């Protein structure tokens, strides 16, 4: 497969192989779950009350309503499992990178920036 990355989208969720960190601030998806499976390196998850580091072979599940964000360590590679609404949120954020629009974009997708 070489440098190809895994990506699959169905009706109820999608799985994408990614690198890189999440948003810089805590956020919450009010109606959508999200999950990560670490393939290489480490991801550090920050919650309102704690943090955790996940290494290769670790799966992290964040249910709807739990405030979170994550940072990827050097060389981290992971699978992320997203609902259609969270996928659409990410696409909207990538299409409009103006920081003054972020709170409204999150609200459109039943999510919220908390900082």
N, C-alpha and C. Protein backbone atom coordinates (compact mmCIF):
# COMPACT_ATOMS: atom_id res chain seq x y z
N UNK A 1 0.81 -1.20 0.00
CA UNK A 1 0.00 0.00 0.00
C UNK A 1 0.85 1.27 0.00
N UNK A 2 2.06 1.19 0.47
CA UNK A 2 2.92 2.37 0.44
C UNK A 2 2.38 3.51 1.27
N UNK A 3 2.24 4.69 0.65
CA UNK A 3 1.83 5.88 1.38
C UNK A 3 0.32 6.07 1.40
N UNK A 4 -0.43 5.13 0.83
CA UNK A 4 -1.88 5.27 0.83
C UNK A 4 -2.40 5.25 2.25
N UNK A 5 -3.43 6.05 2.49
CA UNK A 5 -4.04 6.09 3.81
C UNK A 5 -5.44 5.51 3.72
N UNK A 6 -5.85 4.87 4.78
CA UNK A 6 -7.16 4.23 4.83
C UNK A 6 -8.26 5.28 5.02
N UNK A 7 -9.34 5.14 4.27
CA UNK A 7 -10.49 6.02 4.42
C UNK A 7 -11.72 5.28 3.93
N UNK A 8 -12.76 5.24 4.77
CA UNK A 8 -14.02 4.59 4.37
C UNK A 8 -15.17 5.36 5.00
N UNK A 9 -16.23 5.58 4.22
CA UNK A 9 -17.40 6.29 4.71
C UNK A 9 -18.64 5.48 4.40
N UNK A 10 -19.44 5.24 5.44
CA UNK A 10 -20.71 4.54 5.29
C UNK A 10 -21.85 5.45 5.68
N UNK A 11 -23.01 4.87 5.96
CA UNK A 11 -24.18 5.67 6.34
C UNK A 11 -24.11 6.19 7.77
N UNK A 12 -23.58 5.39 8.70
CA UNK A 12 -23.63 5.77 10.10
C UNK A 12 -22.31 6.27 10.66
N UNK A 13 -21.18 5.94 10.04
CA UNK A 13 -19.90 6.47 10.48
C UNK A 13 -18.86 6.34 9.39
N UNK A 14 -17.74 7.05 9.60
CA UNK A 14 -16.60 6.95 8.70
C UNK A 14 -15.35 6.70 9.52
N UNK A 15 -14.35 6.10 8.90
CA UNK A 15 -13.05 5.84 9.53
C UNK A 15 -11.99 6.41 8.60
N UNK A 16 -11.10 7.20 9.17
CA UNK A 16 -10.03 7.80 8.36
C UNK A 16 -8.70 7.64 9.08
N UNK A 17 -7.67 7.33 8.33
CA UNK A 17 -6.32 7.33 8.88
C UNK A 17 -5.81 8.76 8.83
N UNK A 18 -5.40 9.28 9.98
CA UNK A 18 -4.97 10.67 10.06
C UNK A 18 -3.67 10.81 10.81
N UNK A 19 -3.10 11.98 10.66
CA UNK A 19 -1.97 12.46 11.45
C UNK A 19 -2.34 13.86 11.92
N UNK A 20 -1.68 14.35 12.94
CA UNK A 20 -1.94 15.72 13.38
C UNK A 20 -2.88 15.78 14.57
N UNK A 21 -2.93 16.96 15.16
CA UNK A 21 -3.68 17.18 16.40
C UNK A 21 -5.10 17.66 16.13
N UNK A 22 -5.90 17.62 17.17
CA UNK A 22 -7.26 18.15 17.13
C UNK A 22 -7.24 19.65 17.34
N UNK A 23 -8.41 20.24 17.57
CA UNK A 23 -8.48 21.69 17.82
C UNK A 23 -7.66 22.05 19.06
N UNK A 24 -7.21 23.28 19.12
CA UNK A 24 -6.37 23.72 20.23
C UNK A 24 -7.15 23.85 21.54
N UNK A 25 -8.48 23.90 21.48
CA UNK A 25 -9.28 24.13 22.67
C UNK A 25 -10.24 22.96 22.93
N UNK A 26 -10.65 22.84 24.18
CA UNK A 26 -11.66 21.84 24.52
C UNK A 26 -12.93 22.14 23.75
N UNK A 27 -13.59 21.07 23.32
CA UNK A 27 -14.86 21.19 22.61
C UNK A 27 -15.71 19.99 22.97
N UNK A 28 -16.98 20.08 22.67
CA UNK A 28 -17.90 18.99 22.96
C UNK A 28 -18.84 18.80 21.77
N UNK A 29 -19.09 17.54 21.46
CA UNK A 29 -20.10 17.19 20.46
C UNK A 29 -21.31 16.72 21.27
N UNK A 30 -22.39 17.50 21.25
CA UNK A 30 -23.54 17.22 22.11
C UNK A 30 -24.30 15.96 21.72
N UNK A 31 -24.25 15.57 20.44
CA UNK A 31 -25.05 14.44 19.97
C UNK A 31 -24.25 13.33 19.30
N UNK A 32 -22.92 13.44 19.29
CA UNK A 32 -22.11 12.50 18.50
C UNK A 32 -20.95 11.94 19.31
N UNK A 33 -20.76 10.62 19.19
CA UNK A 33 -19.60 9.95 19.76
C UNK A 33 -18.43 10.09 18.79
N UNK A 34 -17.22 9.84 19.30
CA UNK A 34 -16.02 9.91 18.47
C UNK A 34 -15.01 8.90 19.05
N UNK A 35 -14.18 8.31 18.20
CA UNK A 35 -13.19 7.35 18.70
C UNK A 35 -11.91 7.42 17.87
N UNK A 36 -10.81 7.02 18.50
CA UNK A 36 -9.49 7.01 17.88
C UNK A 36 -8.83 5.67 18.17
N UNK A 37 -8.09 5.14 17.22
CA UNK A 37 -7.27 3.95 17.44
C UNK A 37 -5.85 4.30 17.00
N UNK A 38 -4.93 4.28 17.93
CA UNK A 38 -3.55 4.71 17.67
C UNK A 38 -2.80 3.59 16.95
N UNK A 39 -2.22 3.92 15.80
CA UNK A 39 -1.42 2.98 15.02
C UNK A 39 0.07 3.12 15.33
N UNK A 40 0.54 4.35 15.40
CA UNK A 40 1.96 4.64 15.68
C UNK A 40 2.03 5.90 16.53
N UNK A 41 3.04 6.00 17.38
CA UNK A 41 3.25 7.19 18.19
C UNK A 41 2.25 7.28 19.32
N UNK A 42 2.01 8.52 19.78
CA UNK A 42 1.11 8.73 20.90
C UNK A 42 0.15 9.89 20.65
N UNK A 43 -1.04 9.75 21.19
CA UNK A 43 -2.01 10.84 21.24
C UNK A 43 -2.24 11.15 22.72
N UNK A 44 -2.27 12.43 23.05
CA UNK A 44 -2.60 12.84 24.41
C UNK A 44 -3.95 13.52 24.40
N UNK A 45 -4.88 12.97 25.17
CA UNK A 45 -6.24 13.49 25.24
C UNK A 45 -6.38 14.35 26.48
N UNK A 46 -7.00 15.50 26.33
CA UNK A 46 -7.28 16.41 27.43
C UNK A 46 -8.78 16.48 27.60
N UNK A 47 -9.22 16.29 28.84
CA UNK A 47 -10.63 16.40 29.20
C UNK A 47 -10.75 17.53 30.21
N UNK A 48 -11.95 17.87 30.62
CA UNK A 48 -12.15 18.96 31.57
C UNK A 48 -11.45 18.68 32.90
N UNK A 49 -11.36 17.40 33.29
CA UNK A 49 -10.84 17.05 34.61
C UNK A 49 -9.59 16.18 34.62
N UNK A 50 -9.05 15.83 33.45
CA UNK A 50 -7.90 14.92 33.43
C UNK A 50 -7.31 14.88 32.03
N UNK A 51 -6.19 14.16 31.92
CA UNK A 51 -5.61 13.89 30.61
C UNK A 51 -5.18 12.43 30.59
N UNK A 52 -5.01 11.89 29.38
CA UNK A 52 -4.52 10.53 29.22
C UNK A 52 -3.71 10.44 27.94
N UNK A 53 -2.69 9.59 27.96
CA UNK A 53 -1.87 9.38 26.78
C UNK A 53 -2.13 7.97 26.26
N UNK A 54 -2.36 7.87 24.96
CA UNK A 54 -2.66 6.60 24.31
C UNK A 54 -1.56 6.26 23.32
N UNK A 55 -1.01 5.06 23.45
CA UNK A 55 0.05 4.60 22.55
C UNK A 55 -0.47 3.61 21.54
N UNK A 56 0.44 3.04 20.73
CA UNK A 56 0.05 2.11 19.68
C UNK A 56 -0.80 0.95 20.20
N UNK A 57 -1.88 0.66 19.47
CA UNK A 57 -2.77 -0.41 19.85
C UNK A 57 -3.88 0.01 20.80
N UNK A 58 -3.86 1.26 21.25
CA UNK A 58 -4.86 1.76 22.19
C UNK A 58 -6.02 2.41 21.43
N UNK A 59 -7.23 2.13 21.90
CA UNK A 59 -8.42 2.76 21.35
C UNK A 59 -9.02 3.67 22.42
N UNK A 60 -9.37 4.88 22.04
CA UNK A 60 -9.99 5.85 22.95
C UNK A 60 -11.37 6.19 22.41
N UNK A 61 -12.37 6.06 23.26
CA UNK A 61 -13.76 6.37 22.90
C UNK A 61 -14.21 7.56 23.72
N UNK A 62 -14.75 8.59 23.06
CA UNK A 62 -15.28 9.77 23.75
C UNK A 62 -16.76 9.86 23.40
N UNK A 63 -17.63 9.57 24.39
CA UNK A 63 -19.06 9.63 24.12
C UNK A 63 -19.55 11.07 23.95
N UNK A 64 -20.68 11.21 23.30
CA UNK A 64 -21.32 12.52 23.14
C UNK A 64 -21.45 13.18 24.51
N UNK A 65 -21.23 14.49 24.53
CA UNK A 65 -21.38 15.25 25.77
C UNK A 65 -20.13 15.38 26.61
N UNK A 66 -19.03 14.72 26.23
CA UNK A 66 -17.79 14.79 26.99
C UNK A 66 -16.84 15.79 26.32
N UNK A 67 -16.45 16.82 27.07
CA UNK A 67 -15.52 17.83 26.54
C UNK A 67 -14.14 17.20 26.38
N UNK A 68 -13.49 17.50 25.24
CA UNK A 68 -12.20 16.87 24.94
C UNK A 68 -11.45 17.66 23.88
N UNK A 69 -10.18 17.36 23.77
CA UNK A 69 -9.36 17.67 22.61
C UNK A 69 -8.17 16.74 22.68
N UNK A 70 -7.31 16.74 21.66
CA UNK A 70 -6.17 15.85 21.69
C UNK A 70 -5.01 16.45 20.91
N UNK A 71 -3.81 16.05 21.29
CA UNK A 71 -2.62 16.43 20.54
C UNK A 71 -1.89 15.16 20.12
N UNK A 72 -1.31 15.22 18.94
CA UNK A 72 -0.57 14.10 18.39
C UNK A 72 0.93 14.32 18.62
N UNK A 73 1.59 13.30 19.12
CA UNK A 73 3.04 13.37 19.28
C UNK A 73 3.72 13.21 17.93
N UNK A 74 5.05 13.39 17.90
CA UNK A 74 5.80 13.25 16.65
C UNK A 74 5.58 11.88 16.01
N UNK A 75 5.26 11.87 14.74
CA UNK A 75 5.09 10.63 14.00
C UNK A 75 3.81 9.87 14.32
N UNK A 76 2.91 10.47 15.09
CA UNK A 76 1.67 9.76 15.45
C UNK A 76 0.81 9.55 14.20
N UNK A 77 0.25 8.36 14.13
CA UNK A 77 -0.66 7.99 13.04
C UNK A 77 -1.79 7.21 13.68
N UNK A 78 -3.03 7.52 13.30
CA UNK A 78 -4.17 6.91 13.98
C UNK A 78 -5.37 6.81 13.05
N UNK A 79 -6.29 5.96 13.45
CA UNK A 79 -7.60 5.90 12.80
C UNK A 79 -8.56 6.70 13.66
N UNK A 80 -9.38 7.52 13.02
CA UNK A 80 -10.41 8.27 13.73
C UNK A 80 -11.77 7.82 13.20
N UNK A 81 -12.70 7.60 14.12
CA UNK A 81 -14.05 7.15 13.77
C UNK A 81 -15.00 8.32 14.04
N UNK A 82 -15.69 8.74 13.00
CA UNK A 82 -16.53 9.95 13.05
C UNK A 82 -17.94 9.65 12.56
N UNK A 83 -18.90 10.35 13.14
CA UNK A 83 -20.27 10.32 12.62
C UNK A 83 -20.34 11.28 11.42
N UNK A 84 -21.38 11.17 10.61
CA UNK A 84 -21.50 12.11 9.48
C UNK A 84 -21.52 13.57 9.93
N UNK A 85 -22.15 13.88 11.07
CA UNK A 85 -22.22 15.26 11.53
C UNK A 85 -20.83 15.79 11.92
N UNK A 86 -20.03 14.97 12.61
CA UNK A 86 -18.68 15.42 12.98
C UNK A 86 -17.80 15.53 11.74
N UNK A 87 -17.96 14.63 10.79
CA UNK A 87 -17.23 14.75 9.51
C UNK A 87 -17.57 16.06 8.82
N UNK A 88 -18.86 16.41 8.81
CA UNK A 88 -19.29 17.67 8.18
C UNK A 88 -18.76 18.87 8.95
N UNK A 89 -18.69 18.79 10.27
CA UNK A 89 -18.11 19.86 11.09
C UNK A 89 -16.65 20.08 10.70
N UNK A 90 -15.88 19.01 10.61
CA UNK A 90 -14.47 19.13 10.25
C UNK A 90 -14.32 19.74 8.86
N UNK A 91 -15.13 19.30 7.92
CA UNK A 91 -15.08 19.85 6.56
C UNK A 91 -15.39 21.34 6.57
N UNK A 92 -16.39 21.75 7.35
CA UNK A 92 -16.75 23.17 7.42
C UNK A 92 -15.63 23.99 8.05
N UNK A 93 -15.00 23.46 9.09
CA UNK A 93 -13.88 24.17 9.73
C UNK A 93 -12.69 24.29 8.79
N UNK A 94 -12.44 23.25 7.99
CA UNK A 94 -11.32 23.31 7.03
C UNK A 94 -11.62 24.27 5.88
N UNK A 95 -12.89 24.42 5.53
CA UNK A 95 -13.28 25.32 4.44
C UNK A 95 -13.27 26.78 4.88
N UNK A 96 -13.48 27.05 6.16
CA UNK A 96 -13.54 28.42 6.67
C UNK A 96 -12.64 28.49 7.90
N UNK A 97 -11.42 28.93 7.70
CA UNK A 97 -10.43 28.94 8.78
C UNK A 97 -10.42 30.25 9.58
N UNK A 98 -11.40 31.12 9.35
CA UNK A 98 -11.49 32.37 10.09
C UNK A 98 -11.85 32.07 11.54
N UNK A 99 -10.96 32.35 12.51
CA UNK A 99 -11.23 32.03 13.91
C UNK A 99 -12.51 32.66 14.45
N UNK A 100 -12.92 33.81 13.90
CA UNK A 100 -14.13 34.47 14.40
C UNK A 100 -15.40 33.71 14.00
N UNK A 101 -15.31 32.76 13.08
CA UNK A 101 -16.47 31.99 12.64
C UNK A 101 -16.59 30.64 13.36
N UNK A 102 -15.55 30.24 14.11
CA UNK A 102 -15.52 28.88 14.65
C UNK A 102 -16.67 28.56 15.59
N UNK A 103 -17.01 29.45 16.51
CA UNK A 103 -18.09 29.15 17.46
C UNK A 103 -19.40 28.89 16.73
N UNK A 104 -19.71 29.69 15.71
CA UNK A 104 -20.94 29.51 14.95
C UNK A 104 -20.90 28.20 14.16
N UNK A 105 -19.76 27.86 13.58
CA UNK A 105 -19.64 26.61 12.83
C UNK A 105 -19.89 25.42 13.76
N UNK A 106 -19.26 25.43 14.92
CA UNK A 106 -19.50 24.33 15.88
C UNK A 106 -20.98 24.21 16.22
N UNK A 107 -21.65 25.34 16.49
CA UNK A 107 -23.07 25.32 16.86
C UNK A 107 -23.93 24.70 15.76
N UNK A 108 -23.59 24.98 14.49
CA UNK A 108 -24.37 24.43 13.37
C UNK A 108 -24.37 22.91 13.37
N UNK A 109 -23.34 22.30 13.96
CA UNK A 109 -23.19 20.84 13.95
C UNK A 109 -23.36 20.23 15.34
N UNK A 110 -24.20 20.90 16.17
CA UNK A 110 -24.54 20.40 17.52
C UNK A 110 -23.28 20.16 18.36
N UNK A 111 -22.31 21.05 18.20
CA UNK A 111 -21.06 21.00 18.95
C UNK A 111 -20.78 22.38 19.52
N UNK A 112 -19.77 22.46 20.37
CA UNK A 112 -19.48 23.74 21.02
C UNK A 112 -18.01 23.82 21.41
N UNK A 113 -17.40 24.98 21.11
CA UNK A 113 -16.06 25.29 21.63
C UNK A 113 -16.22 25.78 23.05
N UNK A 114 -15.39 25.31 23.97
CA UNK A 114 -15.58 25.65 25.37
C UNK A 114 -14.57 26.66 25.90
N UNK A 115 -13.62 27.09 25.09
CA UNK A 115 -12.61 28.03 25.57
C UNK A 115 -12.56 29.24 24.66
